């Protein structure tokens, strides 16, 4: 992802699970590099994964952080996350199963973008 600049990325992400898996330092450093490369995020988090802002200030939403966040509906929880950028969809599982993979396909990425956007537009 950090090979790109000036792109918008769609992220369906259980953020607290990701922080637990990758570590807060990695996530913070990655976030800093992402902002410097002008990579903006549209992010959907499960409500149960809303990070405490005092503990993780680098996850705040806004113009400066180049992140817009919407919360999944009450009762919708997920541990597998995915990220869509360019013609790539990247999946990362929870630490329970510990797997990740990329699919590079224009058609698949477009289908996932359409699905993400339907969910995004339905959320507040």
PDB file of N, CA and C in Angstrom:
ATOM      1  N   UNK A   1       0.824  -1.199   0.000  1.00  0.00           N
ATOM      2  CA  UNK A   1       0.000   0.000   0.000  1.00  0.00           C
ATOM      3  C   UNK A   1       0.864   1.257   0.000  1.00  0.00           C
ATOM      4  N   UNK A   2       1.951   1.229   0.743  1.00  0.00           N
ATOM      5  CA  UNK A   2       2.802   2.417   0.832  1.00  0.00           C
ATOM      6  C   UNK A   2       3.655   2.639  -0.412  1.00  0.00           C
ATOM      7  N   UNK A   3       3.482   1.812  -1.426  1.00  0.00           N
ATOM      8  CA  UNK A   3       4.140   2.068  -2.705  1.00  0.00           C
ATOM      9  C   UNK A   3       3.378   3.114  -3.511  1.00  0.00           C
ATOM     10  N   UNK A   4       2.167   3.447  -3.058  1.00  0.00           N
ATOM     11  CA  UNK A   4       1.297   4.392  -3.754  1.00  0.00           C
ATOM     12  C   UNK A   4       1.336   5.759  -3.092  1.00  0.00           C
ATOM     13  N   UNK A   5       0.897   6.766  -3.835  1.00  0.00           N
ATOM     14  CA  UNK A   5       0.715   8.125  -3.320  1.00  0.00           C
ATOM     15  C   UNK A   5      -0.571   8.678  -3.912  1.00  0.00           C
ATOM     16  N   UNK A   6      -1.181   9.607  -3.173  1.00  0.00           N
ATOM     17  CA  UNK A   6      -2.365  10.326  -3.658  1.00  0.00           C
ATOM     18  C   UNK A   6      -3.487   9.390  -4.108  1.00  0.00           C
ATOM     19  N   UNK A   7      -3.815   8.404  -3.287  1.00  0.00           N
ATOM     20  CA  UNK A   7      -4.918   7.510  -3.608  1.00  0.00           C
ATOM     21  C   UNK A   7      -5.909   7.475  -2.455  1.00  0.00           C
ATOM     22  N   UNK A   8      -7.087   6.983  -2.740  1.00  0.00           N
ATOM     23  CA  UNK A   8      -8.099   6.758  -1.710  1.00  0.00           C
ATOM     24  C   UNK A   8      -8.243   5.256  -1.530  1.00  0.00           C
ATOM     25  N   UNK A   9      -8.267   4.821  -0.287  1.00  0.00           N
ATOM     26  CA  UNK A   9      -8.317   3.400   0.055  1.00  0.00           C
ATOM     27  C   UNK A   9      -9.579   3.141   0.865  1.00  0.00           C
ATOM     28  N   UNK A  10     -10.260   2.064   0.538  1.00  0.00           N
ATOM     29  CA  UNK A  10     -11.436   1.631   1.291  1.00  0.00           C
ATOM     30  C   UNK A  10     -11.004   0.512   2.230  1.00  0.00           C
ATOM     31  N   UNK A  11     -11.392   0.641   3.507  1.00  0.00           N
ATOM     32  CA  UNK A  11     -10.911  -0.289   4.525  1.00  0.00           C
ATOM     33  C   UNK A  11     -12.077  -0.771   5.383  1.00  0.00           C
ATOM     34  N   UNK A  12     -12.259  -2.056   5.437  1.00  0.00           N
ATOM     35  CA  UNK A  12     -13.261  -2.714   6.286  1.00  0.00           C
ATOM     36  C   UNK A  12     -12.429  -3.438   7.334  1.00  0.00           C
ATOM     37  N   UNK A  13     -12.332  -2.866   8.544  1.00  0.00           N
ATOM     38  CA  UNK A  13     -11.207  -3.176   9.393  1.00  0.00           C
ATOM     39  C   UNK A  13     -11.574  -3.316  10.858  1.00  0.00           C
ATOM     40  N   UNK A  14     -11.294  -4.450  11.500  1.00  0.00           N
ATOM     41  CA  UNK A  14     -11.454  -4.577  12.949  1.00  0.00           C
ATOM     42  C   UNK A  14     -10.205  -3.999  13.628  1.00  0.00           C
ATOM     43  N   UNK A  15     -10.162  -2.705  13.772  1.00  0.00           N
ATOM     44  CA  UNK A  15      -8.932  -1.981  14.101  1.00  0.00           C
ATOM     45  C   UNK A  15      -8.259  -2.446  15.388  1.00  0.00           C
ATOM     46  N   UNK A  16      -9.002  -2.727  16.437  1.00  0.00           N
ATOM     47  CA  UNK A  16      -8.356  -3.163  17.683  1.00  0.00           C
ATOM     48  C   UNK A  16      -7.695  -4.532  17.513  1.00  0.00           C
ATOM     49  N   UNK A  17      -8.316  -5.415  16.743  1.00  0.00           N
ATOM     50  CA  UNK A  17      -7.693  -6.714  16.453  1.00  0.00           C
ATOM     51  C   UNK A  17      -6.412  -6.525  15.647  1.00  0.00           C
ATOM     52  N   UNK A  18      -6.431  -5.576  14.717  1.00  0.00           N
ATOM     53  CA  UNK A  18      -5.248  -5.307  13.895  1.00  0.00           C
ATOM     54  C   UNK A  18      -4.123  -4.752  14.762  1.00  0.00           C
ATOM     55  N   UNK A  19      -4.456  -3.857  15.674  1.00  0.00           N
ATOM     56  CA  UNK A  19      -3.437  -3.305  16.572  1.00  0.00           C
ATOM     57  C   UNK A  19      -2.844  -4.419  17.436  1.00  0.00           C
ATOM     58  N   UNK A  20      -3.697  -5.307  17.912  1.00  0.00           N
ATOM     59  CA  UNK A  20      -3.217  -6.430  18.720  1.00  0.00           C
ATOM     60  C   UNK A  20      -2.303  -7.337  17.888  1.00  0.00           C
ATOM     61  N   UNK A  21      -2.653  -7.555  16.630  1.00  0.00           N
ATOM     62  CA  UNK A  21      -1.886  -8.432  15.752  1.00  0.00           C
ATOM     63  C   UNK A  21      -0.548  -7.814  15.331  1.00  0.00           C
ATOM     64  N   UNK A  22      -0.576  -6.548  14.922  1.00  0.00           N
ATOM     65  CA  UNK A  22       0.618  -5.899  14.371  1.00  0.00           C
ATOM     66  C   UNK A  22       1.387  -5.048  15.377  1.00  0.00           C
ATOM     67  N   UNK A  23       0.729  -4.649  16.446  1.00  0.00           N
ATOM     68  CA  UNK A  23       1.359  -3.807  17.466  1.00  0.00           C
ATOM     69  C   UNK A  23       1.071  -2.332  17.224  1.00  0.00           C
ATOM     70  N   UNK A  24       0.836  -1.576  18.294  1.00  0.00           N
ATOM     71  CA  UNK A  24       0.501  -0.153  18.149  1.00  0.00           C
ATOM     72  C   UNK A  24       1.607   0.671  17.504  1.00  0.00           C
ATOM     73  N   UNK A  25       2.856   0.353  17.769  1.00  0.00           N
ATOM     74  CA  UNK A  25       3.961   1.120  17.178  1.00  0.00           C
ATOM     75  C   UNK A  25       3.956   0.984  15.663  1.00  0.00           C
ATOM     76  N   UNK A  26       3.775  -0.254  15.160  1.00  0.00           N
ATOM     77  CA  UNK A  26       3.728  -0.470  13.710  1.00  0.00           C
ATOM     78  C   UNK A  26       2.569   0.301  13.096  1.00  0.00           C
ATOM     79  N   UNK A  27       1.384   0.199  13.694  1.00  0.00           N
ATOM     80  CA  UNK A  27       0.197   0.876  13.160  1.00  0.00           C
ATOM     81  C   UNK A  27       0.399   2.391  13.155  1.00  0.00           C
ATOM     82  N   UNK A  28       0.988   2.927  14.211  1.00  0.00           N
ATOM     83  CA  UNK A  28       1.237   4.374  14.265  1.00  0.00           C
ATOM     84  C   UNK A  28       2.238   4.808  13.206  1.00  0.00           C
ATOM     85  N   UNK A  29       3.329   4.075  13.042  1.00  0.00           N
ATOM     86  CA  UNK A  29       4.332   4.414  12.024  1.00  0.00           C
ATOM     87  C   UNK A  29       3.753   4.292  10.616  1.00  0.00           C
ATOM     88  N   UNK A  30       2.990   3.234  10.379  1.00  0.00           N
ATOM     89  CA  UNK A  30       2.337   3.047   9.090  1.00  0.00           C
ATOM     90  C   UNK A  30       1.400   4.215   8.800  1.00  0.00           C
ATOM     91  N   UNK A  31       0.633   4.616   9.804  1.00  0.00           N
ATOM     92  CA  UNK A  31      -0.299   5.726   9.657  1.00  0.00           C
ATOM     93  C   UNK A  31       0.436   7.018   9.300  1.00  0.00           C
ATOM     94  N   UNK A  32       1.540   7.274   9.951  1.00  0.00           N
ATOM     95  CA  UNK A  32       2.327   8.482   9.671  1.00  0.00           C
ATOM     96  C   UNK A  32       2.825   8.480   8.218  1.00  0.00           C
ATOM     97  N   UNK A  33       3.350   7.347   7.773  1.00  0.00           N
ATOM     98  CA  UNK A  33       3.827   7.243   6.386  1.00  0.00           C
ATOM     99  C   UNK A  33       2.666   7.404   5.400  1.00  0.00           C
ATOM    100  N   UNK A  34       1.527   6.809   5.728  1.00  0.00           N
ATOM    101  CA  UNK A  34       0.347   6.901   4.860  1.00  0.00           C
ATOM    102  C   UNK A  34      -0.074   8.356   4.679  1.00  0.00           C
ATOM    103  N   UNK A  35      -0.130   9.100   5.764  1.00  0.00           N
ATOM    104  CA  UNK A  35      -0.523  10.513   5.700  1.00  0.00           C
ATOM    105  C   UNK A  35       0.473  11.296   4.855  1.00  0.00           C
ATOM    106  N   UNK A  36       1.770  11.067   5.062  1.00  0.00           N
ATOM    107  CA  UNK A  36       2.797  11.768   4.284  1.00  0.00           C
ATOM    108  C   UNK A  36       2.694  11.482   2.796  1.00  0.00           C
ATOM    109  N   UNK A  37       2.191  10.309   2.439  1.00  0.00           N
ATOM    110  CA  UNK A  37       2.052   9.941   1.031  1.00  0.00           C
ATOM    111  C   UNK A  37       0.668  10.289   0.480  1.00  0.00           C
ATOM    112  N   UNK A  38      -0.084  11.036   1.280  1.00  0.00           N
ATOM    113  CA  UNK A  38      -1.400  11.527   0.865  1.00  0.00           C
ATOM    114  C   UNK A  38      -2.343  10.392   0.468  1.00  0.00           C
ATOM    115  N   UNK A  39      -2.314   9.331   1.266  1.00  0.00           N
ATOM    116  CA  UNK A  39      -3.226   8.201   1.075  1.00  0.00           C
ATOM    117  C   UNK A  39      -4.386   8.410   2.038  1.00  0.00           C
ATOM    118  N   UNK A  40      -5.580   8.627   1.487  1.00  0.00           N
ATOM    119  CA  UNK A  40      -6.753   8.853   2.324  1.00  0.00           C
ATOM    120  C   UNK A  40      -7.519   7.542   2.517  1.00  0.00           C
ATOM    121  N   UNK A  41      -8.216   7.461   3.647  1.00  0.00           N
ATOM    122  CA  UNK A  41      -8.958   6.250   3.988  1.00  0.00           C
ATOM    123  C   UNK A  41     -10.435   6.532   4.180  1.00  0.00           C
ATOM    124  N   UNK A  42     -11.245   5.631   3.674  1.00  0.00           N
ATOM    125  CA  UNK A  42     -12.643   5.490   4.063  1.00  0.00           C
ATOM    126  C   UNK A  42     -12.671   4.186   4.845  1.00  0.00           C
ATOM    127  N   UNK A  43     -12.955   4.258   6.134  1.00  0.00           N
ATOM    128  CA  UNK A  43     -12.813   3.107   7.011  1.00  0.00           C
ATOM    129  C   UNK A  43     -14.126   2.757   7.685  1.00  0.00           C
ATOM    130  N   UNK A  44     -14.436   1.465   7.705  1.00  0.00           N
ATOM    131  CA  UNK A  44     -15.584   0.965   8.456  1.00  0.00           C
ATOM    132  C   UNK A  44     -15.039   0.083   9.570  1.00  0.00           C
ATOM    133  N   UNK A  45     -15.413   0.419  10.809  1.00  0.00           N
ATOM    134  CA  UNK A  45     -15.016  -0.356  11.981  1.00  0.00           C
ATOM    135  C   UNK A  45     -16.257  -0.961  12.617  1.00  0.00           C
ATOM    136  N   UNK A  46     -16.133  -2.157  13.210  1.00  0.00           N
ATOM    137  CA  UNK A  46     -17.232  -2.650  14.044  1.00  0.00           C
ATOM    138  C   UNK A  46     -17.345  -1.748  15.280  1.00  0.00           C
ATOM    139  N   UNK A  47     -18.530  -1.546  15.785  1.00  0.00           N
ATOM    140  CA  UNK A  47     -18.711  -0.706  16.975  1.00  0.00           C
ATOM    141  C   UNK A  47     -17.900  -1.222  18.160  1.00  0.00           C
ATOM    142  N   UNK A  48     -17.752  -2.542  18.252  1.00  0.00           N
ATOM    143  CA  UNK A  48     -16.993  -3.132  19.361  1.00  0.00           C
ATOM    144  C   UNK A  48     -15.495  -2.890  19.219  1.00  0.00           C
ATOM    145  N   UNK A  49     -15.066  -2.359  18.084  1.00  0.00           N
ATOM    146  CA  UNK A  49     -13.650  -2.131  17.811  1.00  0.00           C
ATOM    147  C   UNK A  49     -13.282  -0.639  17.819  1.00  0.00           C
ATOM    148  N   UNK A  50     -14.154   0.206  18.324  1.00  0.00           N
ATOM    149  CA  UNK A  50     -13.862   1.635  18.355  1.00  0.00           C
ATOM    150  C   UNK A  50     -12.708   1.886  19.330  1.00  0.00           C
ATOM    151  N   UNK A  51     -11.581   2.397  18.847  1.00  0.00           N
ATOM    152  CA  UNK A  51     -10.412   2.558  19.712  1.00  0.00           C
ATOM    153  C   UNK A  51     -10.543   3.786  20.619  1.00  0.00           C
ATOM    154  N   UNK A  52     -10.053   3.683  21.850  1.00  0.00           N
ATOM    155  CA  UNK A  52     -10.055   4.860  22.732  1.00  0.00           C
ATOM    156  C   UNK A  52      -9.082   5.913  22.189  1.00  0.00           C
ATOM    157  N   UNK A  53      -9.590   7.132  21.964  1.00  0.00           N
ATOM    158  CA  UNK A  53      -8.777   8.192  21.357  1.00  0.00           C
ATOM    159  C   UNK A  53      -7.580   8.578  22.215  1.00  0.00           C
ATOM    160  N   UNK A  54      -7.722   8.535  23.528  1.00  0.00           N
ATOM    161  CA  UNK A  54      -6.585   8.898  24.391  1.00  0.00           C
ATOM    162  C   UNK A  54      -5.447   7.893  24.251  1.00  0.00           C
ATOM    163  N   UNK A  55      -5.793   6.636  24.099  1.00  0.00           N
ATOM    164  CA  UNK A  55      -4.777   5.596  23.983  1.00  0.00           C
ATOM    165  C   UNK A  55      -4.184   5.533  22.580  1.00  0.00           C
ATOM    166  N   UNK A  56      -5.004   5.814  21.557  1.00  0.00           N
ATOM    167  CA  UNK A  56      -4.578   5.728  20.156  1.00  0.00           C
ATOM    168  C   UNK A  56      -4.930   7.014  19.408  1.00  0.00           C
ATOM    169  N   UNK A  57      -4.319   8.145  19.768  1.00  0.00           N
ATOM    170  CA  UNK A  57      -4.669   9.410  19.107  1.00  0.00           C
ATOM    171  C   UNK A  57      -4.364   9.425  17.613  1.00  0.00           C
ATOM    172  N   UNK A  58      -3.464   8.575  17.163  1.00  0.00           N
ATOM    173  CA  UNK A  58      -3.101   8.504  15.747  1.00  0.00           C
ATOM    174  C   UNK A  58      -4.199   7.873  14.888  1.00  0.00           C
ATOM    175  N   UNK A  59      -5.272   7.400  15.521  1.00  0.00           N
ATOM    176  CA  UNK A  59      -6.383   6.798  14.770  1.00  0.00           C
ATOM    177  C   UNK A  59      -7.572   7.736  14.607  1.00  0.00           C
ATOM    178  N   UNK A  60      -7.418   8.982  15.008  1.00  0.00           N
ATOM    179  CA  UNK A  60      -8.551   9.887  14.895  1.00  0.00           C
ATOM    180  C   UNK A  60      -8.917  10.134  13.437  1.00  0.00           C
ATOM    181  N   UNK A  61     -10.168  10.435  13.235  1.00  0.00           N
ATOM    182  CA  UNK A  61     -10.673  10.745  11.898  1.00  0.00           C
ATOM    183  C   UNK A  61     -10.551  12.249  11.665  1.00  0.00           C
ATOM    184  N   UNK A  62     -10.504  12.641  10.407  1.00  0.00           N
ATOM    185  CA  UNK A  62     -10.482  14.059  10.078  1.00  0.00           C
ATOM    186  C   UNK A  62      -9.639  14.351   8.856  1.00  0.00           C
ATOM    187  N   UNK A  63      -9.652  15.617   8.489  1.00  0.00           N
ATOM    188  CA  UNK A  63      -8.933  16.062   7.289  1.00  0.00           C
ATOM    189  C   UNK A  63      -7.431  15.870   7.439  1.00  0.00           C
ATOM    190  N   UNK A  64      -6.878  16.266   8.595  1.00  0.00           N
ATOM    191  CA  UNK A  64      -5.432  16.150   8.796  1.00  0.00           C
ATOM    192  C   UNK A  64      -4.970  14.697   8.807  1.00  0.00           C
ATOM    193  N   UNK A  65      -5.779  13.814   9.364  1.00  0.00           N
ATOM    194  CA  UNK A  65      -5.395  12.402   9.430  1.00  0.00           C
ATOM    195  C   UNK A  65      -5.781  11.644   8.157  1.00  0.00           C
ATOM    196  N   UNK A  66      -6.434  12.336   7.241  1.00  0.00           N
ATOM    197  CA  UNK A  66      -6.837  11.738   5.957  1.00  0.00           C
ATOM    198  C   UNK A  66      -7.617  10.449   6.174  1.00  0.00           C
ATOM    199  N   UNK A  67      -8.533  10.483   7.168  1.00  0.00           N
ATOM    200  CA  UNK A  67      -9.327   9.294   7.488  1.00  0.00           C
ATOM    201  C   UNK A  67     -10.758   9.708   7.791  1.00  0.00           C
ATOM    202  N   UNK A  68     -11.685   9.026   7.141  1.00  0.00           N
ATOM    203  CA  UNK A  68     -13.103   9.154   7.455  1.00  0.00           C
ATOM    204  C   UNK A  68     -13.535   7.794   7.976  1.00  0.00           C
ATOM    205  N   UNK A  69     -14.239   7.781   9.114  1.00  0.00           N
ATOM    206  CA  UNK A  69     -14.635   6.533   9.752  1.00  0.00           C
ATOM    207  C   UNK A  69     -16.148   6.474   9.888  1.00  0.00           C
ATOM    208  N   UNK A  70     -16.692   5.326   9.573  1.00  0.00           N
ATOM    209  CA  UNK A  70     -18.091   5.028   9.858  1.00  0.00           C
ATOM    210  C   UNK A  70     -18.131   3.713  10.621  1.00  0.00           C
ATOM    211  N   UNK A  71     -19.117   3.591  11.493  1.00  0.00           N
ATOM    212  CA  UNK A  71     -19.239   2.394  12.317  1.00  0.00           C
ATOM    213  C   UNK A  71     -20.289   1.457  11.744  1.00  0.00           C
ATOM    214  N   UNK A  72     -19.972   0.174  11.760  1.00  0.00           N
ATOM    215  CA  UNK A  72     -20.928  -0.841  11.315  1.00  0.00           C
ATOM    216  C   UNK A  72     -22.139  -0.806  12.241  1.00  0.00           C
ATOM    217  N   UNK A  73     -23.279  -1.272  11.773  1.00  0.00           N
ATOM    218  CA  UNK A  73     -24.477  -1.273  12.613  1.00  0.00           C
ATOM    219  C   UNK A  73     -24.279  -2.087  13.886  1.00  0.00           C
ATOM    220  N   UNK A  74     -25.028  -1.725  14.901  1.00  0.00           N
ATOM    221  CA  UNK A  74     -25.022  -2.467  16.164  1.00  0.00           C
ATOM    222  C   UNK A  74     -25.236  -3.946  15.878  1.00  0.00           C
ATOM    223  N   UNK A  75     -24.419  -4.804  16.494  1.00  0.00           N
ATOM    224  CA  UNK A  75     -24.553  -6.241  16.310  1.00  0.00           C
ATOM    225  C   UNK A  75     -23.766  -6.812  15.145  1.00  0.00           C
ATOM    226  N   UNK A  76     -23.216  -5.952  14.288  1.00  0.00           N
ATOM    227  CA  UNK A  76     -22.390  -6.423  13.174  1.00  0.00           C
ATOM    228  C   UNK A  76     -20.938  -6.382  13.630  1.00  0.00           C
ATOM    229  N   UNK A  77     -20.365  -7.554  13.798  1.00  0.00           N
ATOM    230  CA  UNK A  77     -18.992  -7.664  14.268  1.00  0.00           C
ATOM    231  C   UNK A  77     -18.219  -8.507  13.264  1.00  0.00           C
ATOM    232  N   UNK A  78     -16.952  -8.206  13.082  1.00  0.00           N
ATOM    233  CA  UNK A  78     -16.141  -8.995  12.154  1.00  0.00           C
ATOM    234  C   UNK A  78     -14.693  -8.974  12.607  1.00  0.00           C
ATOM    235  N   UNK A  79     -13.996 -10.070  12.344  1.00  0.00           N
ATOM    236  CA  UNK A  79     -12.590 -10.169  12.728  1.00  0.00           C
ATOM    237  C   UNK A  79     -11.671 -10.220  11.509  1.00  0.00           C
ATOM    238  N   UNK A  80     -12.203 -10.530  10.346  1.00  0.00           N
ATOM    239  CA  UNK A  80     -11.433 -10.500   9.105  1.00  0.00           C
ATOM    240  C   UNK A  80     -11.563  -9.105   8.509  1.00  0.00           C
ATOM    241  N   UNK A  81     -10.453  -8.531   8.097  1.00  0.00           N
ATOM    242  CA  UNK A  81     -10.493  -7.212   7.487  1.00  0.00           C
ATOM    243  C   UNK A  81     -10.017  -7.250   6.051  1.00  0.00           C
ATOM    244  N   UNK A  82     -10.428  -6.238   5.297  1.00  0.00           N
ATOM    245  CA  UNK A  82      -9.925  -6.124   3.928  1.00  0.00           C
ATOM    246  C   UNK A  82      -9.705  -4.666   3.577  1.00  0.00           C
ATOM    247  N   UNK A  83      -8.806  -4.464   2.627  1.00  0.00           N
ATOM    248  CA  UNK A  83      -8.423  -3.142   2.150  1.00  0.00           C
ATOM    249  C   UNK A  83      -8.454  -3.176   0.633  1.00  0.00           C
ATOM    250  N   UNK A  84      -9.039  -2.135   0.029  1.00  0.00           N
ATOM    251  CA  UNK A  84      -9.136  -2.074  -1.429  1.00  0.00           C
ATOM    252  C   UNK A  84      -8.396  -0.829  -1.914  1.00  0.00           C
ATOM    253  N   UNK A  85      -7.457  -1.036  -2.831  1.00  0.00           N
ATOM    254  CA  UNK A  85      -6.732   0.086  -3.438  1.00  0.00           C
ATOM    255  C   UNK A  85      -6.247  -0.339  -4.816  1.00  0.00           C
ATOM    256  N   UNK A  86      -6.366   0.569  -5.765  1.00  0.00           N
ATOM    257  CA  UNK A  86      -5.994   0.224  -7.135  1.00  0.00           C
ATOM    258  C   UNK A  86      -6.782  -0.995  -7.585  1.00  0.00           C
ATOM    259  N   UNK A  87      -6.086  -1.973  -8.125  1.00  0.00           N
ATOM    260  CA  UNK A  87      -6.706  -3.223  -8.543  1.00  0.00           C
ATOM    261  C   UNK A  87      -6.441  -4.336  -7.530  1.00  0.00           C
ATOM    262  N   UNK A  88      -6.152  -3.955  -6.285  1.00  0.00           N
ATOM    263  CA  UNK A  88      -5.767  -4.910  -5.255  1.00  0.00           C
ATOM    264  C   UNK A  88      -6.772  -4.930  -4.113  1.00  0.00           C
ATOM    265  N   UNK A  89      -7.093  -6.131  -3.657  1.00  0.00           N
ATOM    266  CA  UNK A  89      -7.869  -6.317  -2.439  1.00  0.00           C
ATOM    267  C   UNK A  89      -6.997  -7.172  -1.530  1.00  0.00           C
ATOM    268  N   UNK A  90      -6.709  -6.647  -0.352  1.00  0.00           N
ATOM    269  CA  UNK A  90      -5.842  -7.324   0.618  1.00  0.00           C
ATOM    270  C   UNK A  90      -6.681  -7.776   1.795  1.00  0.00           C
ATOM    271  N   UNK A  91      -6.601  -9.030   2.153  1.00  0.00           N
ATOM    272  CA  UNK A  91      -7.344  -9.586   3.285  1.00  0.00           C
ATOM    273  C   UNK A  91      -6.365  -9.936   4.402  1.00  0.00           C
ATOM    274  N   UNK A  92      -6.762  -9.646   5.641  1.00  0.00           N
ATOM    275  CA  UNK A  92      -5.973 -10.047   6.809  1.00  0.00           C
ATOM    276  C   UNK A  92      -6.931 -10.616   7.834  1.00  0.00           C
ATOM    277  N   UNK A  93      -6.625 -11.827   8.301  1.00  0.00           N
ATOM    278  CA  UNK A  93      -7.491 -12.484   9.277  1.00  0.00           C
ATOM    279  C   UNK A  93      -7.150 -12.022  10.685  1.00  0.00           C
ATOM    280  N   UNK A  94      -7.911 -12.525  11.626  1.00  0.00           N
ATOM    281  CA  UNK A  94      -7.614 -12.288  13.034  1.00  0.00           C
ATOM    282  C   UNK A  94      -6.416 -13.131  13.440  1.00  0.00           C
ATOM    283  N   UNK A  95      -5.928 -12.909  14.644  1.00  0.00           N
ATOM    284  CA  UNK A  95      -4.806 -13.697  15.138  1.00  0.00           C
ATOM    285  C   UNK A  95      -5.209 -15.154  15.379  1.00  0.00           C
ATOM    286  N   UNK A  96      -6.509 -15.417  15.451  1.00  0.00           N
ATOM    287  CA  UNK A  96      -6.973 -16.797  15.651  1.00  0.00           C
ATOM    288  C   UNK A  96      -6.576 -17.690  14.487  1.00  0.00           C
ATOM    289  N   UNK A  97      -6.655 -17.157  13.265  1.00  0.00           N
ATOM    290  CA  UNK A  97      -6.339 -17.963  12.087  1.00  0.00           C
ATOM    291  C   UNK A  97      -5.039 -17.542  11.410  1.00  0.00           C
ATOM    292  N   UNK A  98      -4.608 -16.329  11.620  1.00  0.00           N
ATOM    293  CA  UNK A  98      -3.314 -15.826  11.139  1.00  0.00           C
ATOM    294  C   UNK A  98      -3.029 -16.103   9.666  1.00  0.00           C
ATOM    295  N   UNK A  99      -3.797 -15.485   8.796  1.00  0.00           N
ATOM    296  CA  UNK A  99      -3.491 -15.570   7.376  1.00  0.00           C
ATOM    297  C   UNK A  99      -3.765 -14.222   6.725  1.00  0.00           C
ATOM    298  N   UNK A 100      -3.176 -14.025   5.604  1.00  0.00           N
ATOM    299  CA  UNK A 100      -3.419 -12.843   4.797  1.00  0.00           C
ATOM    300  C   UNK A 100      -3.140 -13.187   3.350  1.00  0.00           C
ATOM    301  N   UNK A 101      -3.818 -12.487   2.454  1.00  0.00           N
ATOM    302  CA  UNK A 101      -3.559 -12.708   1.037  1.00  0.00           C
ATOM    303  C   UNK A 101      -4.025 -11.504   0.240  1.00  0.00           C
ATOM    304  N   UNK A 102      -3.463 -11.377  -0.965  1.00  0.00           N
ATOM    305  CA  UNK A 102      -3.811 -10.308  -1.903  1.00  0.00           C
ATOM    306  C   UNK A 102      -4.445 -10.913  -3.134  1.00  0.00           C
ATOM    307  N   UNK A 103      -5.414 -10.217  -3.656  1.00  0.00           N
ATOM    308  CA  UNK A 103      -5.952 -10.561  -4.971  1.00  0.00           C
ATOM    309  C   UNK A 103      -5.782  -9.324  -5.835  1.00  0.00           C
ATOM    310  N   UNK A 104      -5.086  -9.471  -6.934  1.00  0.00           N
ATOM    311  CA  UNK A 104      -4.904  -8.368  -7.875  1.00  0.00           C
ATOM    312  C   UNK A 104      -5.745  -8.678  -9.101  1.00  0.00           C
ATOM    313  N   UNK A 105      -6.839  -7.950  -9.217  1.00  0.00           N
ATOM    314  CA  UNK A 105      -7.779  -8.159 -10.313  1.00  0.00           C
ATOM    315  C   UNK A 105      -8.655  -6.921 -10.412  1.00  0.00           C
ATOM    316  N   UNK A 106      -8.673  -6.299 -11.562  1.00  0.00           N
ATOM    317  CA  UNK A 106      -9.504  -5.111 -11.765  1.00  0.00           C
ATOM    318  C   UNK A 106     -10.979  -5.436 -11.518  1.00  0.00           C
ATOM    319  N   UNK A 107     -11.438  -6.566 -12.068  1.00  0.00           N
ATOM    320  CA  UNK A 107     -12.845  -6.938 -11.939  1.00  0.00           C
ATOM    321  C   UNK A 107     -13.217  -7.233 -10.480  1.00  0.00           C
ATOM    322  N   UNK A 108     -12.373  -7.979  -9.784  1.00  0.00           N
ATOM    323  CA  UNK A 108     -12.650  -8.293  -8.387  1.00  0.00           C
ATOM    324  C   UNK A 108     -12.611  -7.027  -7.533  1.00  0.00           C
ATOM    325  N   UNK A 109     -11.603  -6.179  -7.744  1.00  0.00           N
ATOM    326  CA  UNK A 109     -11.503  -4.935  -6.982  1.00  0.00           C
ATOM    327  C   UNK A 109     -12.738  -4.062  -7.215  1.00  0.00           C
ATOM    328  N   UNK A 110     -13.198  -3.965  -8.441  1.00  0.00           N
ATOM    329  CA  UNK A 110     -14.381  -3.154  -8.725  1.00  0.00           C
ATOM    330  C   UNK A 110     -15.619  -3.717  -8.037  1.00  0.00           C
ATOM    331  N   UNK A 111     -15.757  -5.033  -8.012  1.00  0.00           N
ATOM    332  CA  UNK A 111     -16.881  -5.657  -7.307  1.00  0.00           C
ATOM    333  C   UNK A 111     -16.817  -5.345  -5.817  1.00  0.00           C
ATOM    334  N   UNK A 112     -15.626  -5.446  -5.240  1.00  0.00           N
ATOM    335  CA  UNK A 112     -15.462  -5.152  -3.811  1.00  0.00           C
ATOM    336  C   UNK A 112     -15.705  -3.664  -3.515  1.00  0.00           C
ATOM    337  N   UNK A 113     -15.280  -2.785  -4.417  1.00  0.00           N
ATOM    338  CA  UNK A 113     -15.547  -1.351  -4.248  1.00  0.00           C
ATOM    339  C   UNK A 113     -17.044  -1.095  -4.244  1.00  0.00           C
ATOM    340  N   UNK A 114     -17.754  -1.710  -5.177  1.00  0.00           N
ATOM    341  CA  UNK A 114     -19.208  -1.545  -5.235  1.00  0.00           C
ATOM    342  C   UNK A 114     -19.856  -2.022  -3.943  1.00  0.00           C
ATOM    343  N   UNK A 115     -19.450  -3.199  -3.456  1.00  0.00           N
ATOM    344  CA  UNK A 115     -19.994  -3.724  -2.200  1.00  0.00           C
ATOM    345  C   UNK A 115     -19.672  -2.810  -1.026  1.00  0.00           C
ATOM    346  N   UNK A 116     -18.426  -2.356  -0.941  1.00  0.00           N
ATOM    347  CA  UNK A 116     -18.020  -1.453   0.138  1.00  0.00           C
ATOM    348  C   UNK A 116     -18.850  -0.172   0.095  1.00  0.00           C
ATOM    349  N   UNK A 117     -18.969   0.410  -1.093  1.00  0.00           N
ATOM    350  CA  UNK A 117     -19.700   1.671  -1.225  1.00  0.00           C
ATOM    351  C   UNK A 117     -21.185   1.539  -0.842  1.00  0.00           C
ATOM    352  N   UNK A 118     -21.786   0.400  -1.118  1.00  0.00           N
ATOM    353  CA  UNK A 118     -23.168   0.161  -0.696  1.00  0.00           C
ATOM    354  C   UNK A 118     -23.254   0.179   0.818  1.00  0.00           C
ATOM    355  N   UNK A 119     -22.329  -0.520   1.475  1.00  0.00           N
ATOM    356  CA  UNK A 119     -22.299  -0.519   2.943  1.00  0.00           C
ATOM    357  C   UNK A 119     -22.014   0.885   3.462  1.00  0.00           C
ATOM    358  N   UNK A 120     -21.010   1.526   2.909  1.00  0.00           N
ATOM    359  CA  UNK A 120     -20.593   2.883   3.335  1.00  0.00           C
ATOM    360  C   UNK A 120     -21.770   3.855   3.267  1.00  0.00           C
ATOM    361  N   UNK A 121     -22.463   3.845   2.142  1.00  0.00           N
ATOM    362  CA  UNK A 121     -23.571   4.792   1.949  1.00  0.00           C
ATOM    363  C   UNK A 121     -24.751   4.522   2.895  1.00  0.00           C
ATOM    364  N   UNK A 122     -24.838   3.305   3.424  1.00  0.00           N
ATOM    365  CA  UNK A 122     -25.924   2.982   4.344  1.00  0.00           C
ATOM    366  C   UNK A 122     -25.623   3.386   5.785  1.00  0.00           C
ATOM    367  N   UNK A 123     -24.361   3.759   6.068  1.00  0.00           N
ATOM    368  CA  UNK A 123     -23.943   4.092   7.434  1.00  0.00           C
ATOM    369  C   UNK A 123     -23.914   5.597   7.657  1.00  0.00           C
ATOM    370  N   UNK A 124     -24.014   5.970   8.928  1.00  0.00           N
ATOM    371  CA  UNK A 124     -23.947   7.394   9.281  1.00  0.00           C
ATOM    372  C   UNK A 124     -22.530   7.813   9.527  1.00  0.00           C
TER     373      UNK A 124
END
